[in-house]
Amino acid sequence: MSDAGEIVLSTARLFLTRFAPADAPFVVRLVTDPDWIRYIGDRGVRTESDARAYLERGPIAMYASHGFGLWRVARREDG
């Protein structure tokens, strides 16, 4: 979890962390998935650079302005 964002909550099986710019590769895979686009919508993210900007304007900005935002959920066993 060294490159992950700040841990918000942890359980015996999971970590909930704040998104960080290092999560850009994951975000590209997530928001370009056909089911994401179909059910949630196209966010215009196609590259890691797009994903970093998306994170900065979205979740990371929410943390700064509201004290909370979207969290990344990861299994302890494999991240």
Protein backbone atom coordinates (compact mmCIF):
# COMPACT_ATOMS: atom_id res chain seq x y z
CA MET A 1 0.00 0.00 0.00
CA SER A 2 3.03 2.29 -0.22
CA ASP A 3 1.80 4.20 -3.29
CA ALA A 4 -1.83 4.37 -2.18
CA GLY A 5 -3.61 7.36 -0.73
CA GLU A 6 -4.28 7.95 2.93
CA ILE A 7 -6.00 5.03 4.68
CA VAL A 8 -9.45 6.12 5.81
CA LEU A 9 -10.59 2.82 7.27
CA SER A 10 -9.30 -0.72 7.50
CA THR A 11 -10.91 -4.02 8.35
CA ALA A 12 -9.55 -7.53 8.64
CA ARG A 13 -9.98 -7.93 4.85
CA LEU A 14 -10.08 -4.43 3.32
CA PHE A 15 -8.45 -1.01 3.14
CA LEU A 16 -10.46 2.08 2.25
CA THR A 17 -8.13 4.79 1.04
CA ARG A 18 -8.33 8.22 -0.46
CA PHE A 19 -7.60 8.22 -4.17
CA ALA A 20 -4.13 9.46 -5.11
CA PRO A 21 -2.54 10.35 -8.46
CA ALA A 22 -0.78 6.96 -8.35
CA ASP A 23 -4.22 5.37 -8.84
CA ALA A 24 -4.42 6.72 -12.42
CA PRO A 25 -3.79 3.34 -14.14
CA PHE A 26 -6.61 1.75 -12.13
CA VAL A 27 -8.95 4.67 -12.87
CA VAL A 28 -8.34 4.35 -16.62
CA ARG A 29 -9.30 0.66 -16.48
CA LEU A 30 -12.33 1.41 -14.31
CA VAL A 31 -13.90 4.29 -16.21
CA THR A 32 -13.26 2.83 -19.67
CA ASP A 33 -14.96 -0.46 -18.83
CA PRO A 34 -18.00 -0.82 -21.12
CA ASP A 35 -20.33 -1.48 -18.16
CA TRP A 36 -19.07 1.67 -16.39
CA ILE A 37 -19.74 3.71 -19.51
CA ARG A 38 -23.16 2.11 -20.02
CA TYR A 39 -24.45 2.43 -16.45
CA ILE A 40 -22.50 5.39 -15.03
CA GLY A 41 -21.38 7.38 -18.05
CA ASP A 42 -18.40 8.31 -20.15
CA ARG A 43 -16.07 10.56 -18.16
CA GLY A 44 -13.82 11.28 -21.14
CA VAL A 45 -10.87 9.58 -19.48
CA ARG A 46 -8.67 7.73 -21.97
CA THR A 47 -5.09 8.11 -20.70
CA GLU A 48 -3.29 8.11 -17.37
CA SER A 49 -2.87 11.87 -17.74
CA ASP A 50 -6.65 12.20 -18.16
CA ALA A 51 -7.14 10.00 -15.09
CA ARG A 52 -4.80 12.09 -12.93
CA ALA A 53 -6.70 15.24 -13.96
CA TYR A 54 -10.03 13.47 -13.26
CA LEU A 55 -8.80 12.52 -9.79
CA GLU A 56 -7.49 16.02 -9.06
CA ARG A 57 -10.74 17.71 -10.16
CA GLY A 58 -12.98 15.07 -8.56
CA PRO A 59 -12.16 12.99 -5.49
CA ILE A 60 -8.99 14.84 -4.45
CA ALA A 61 -10.74 18.23 -4.72
CA MET A 62 -13.65 16.83 -2.69
CA TYR A 63 -11.29 15.81 0.12
CA ALA A 64 -9.93 19.35 0.27
CA SER A 65 -13.27 21.17 0.08
CA HIS A 66 -15.60 18.79 1.93
CA GLY A 67 -13.32 16.56 4.00
CA PHE A 68 -14.59 13.44 2.25
CA GLY A 69 -15.06 12.04 -1.25
CA LEU A 70 -14.94 8.80 -3.21
CA TRP A 71 -12.81 6.10 -1.62
CA ARG A 72 -10.79 3.32 -3.18
CA VAL A 73 -11.58 -0.13 -1.74
CA ALA A 74 -8.76 -2.68 -1.85
CA ARG A 75 -8.35 -6.16 -0.46
CA ARG A 76 -5.52 -6.45 2.07
CA GLU A 77 -4.28 -9.69 0.51
CA ASP A 78 -3.53 -8.27 -2.94
CA GLY A 79 -4.26 -4.55 -2.99
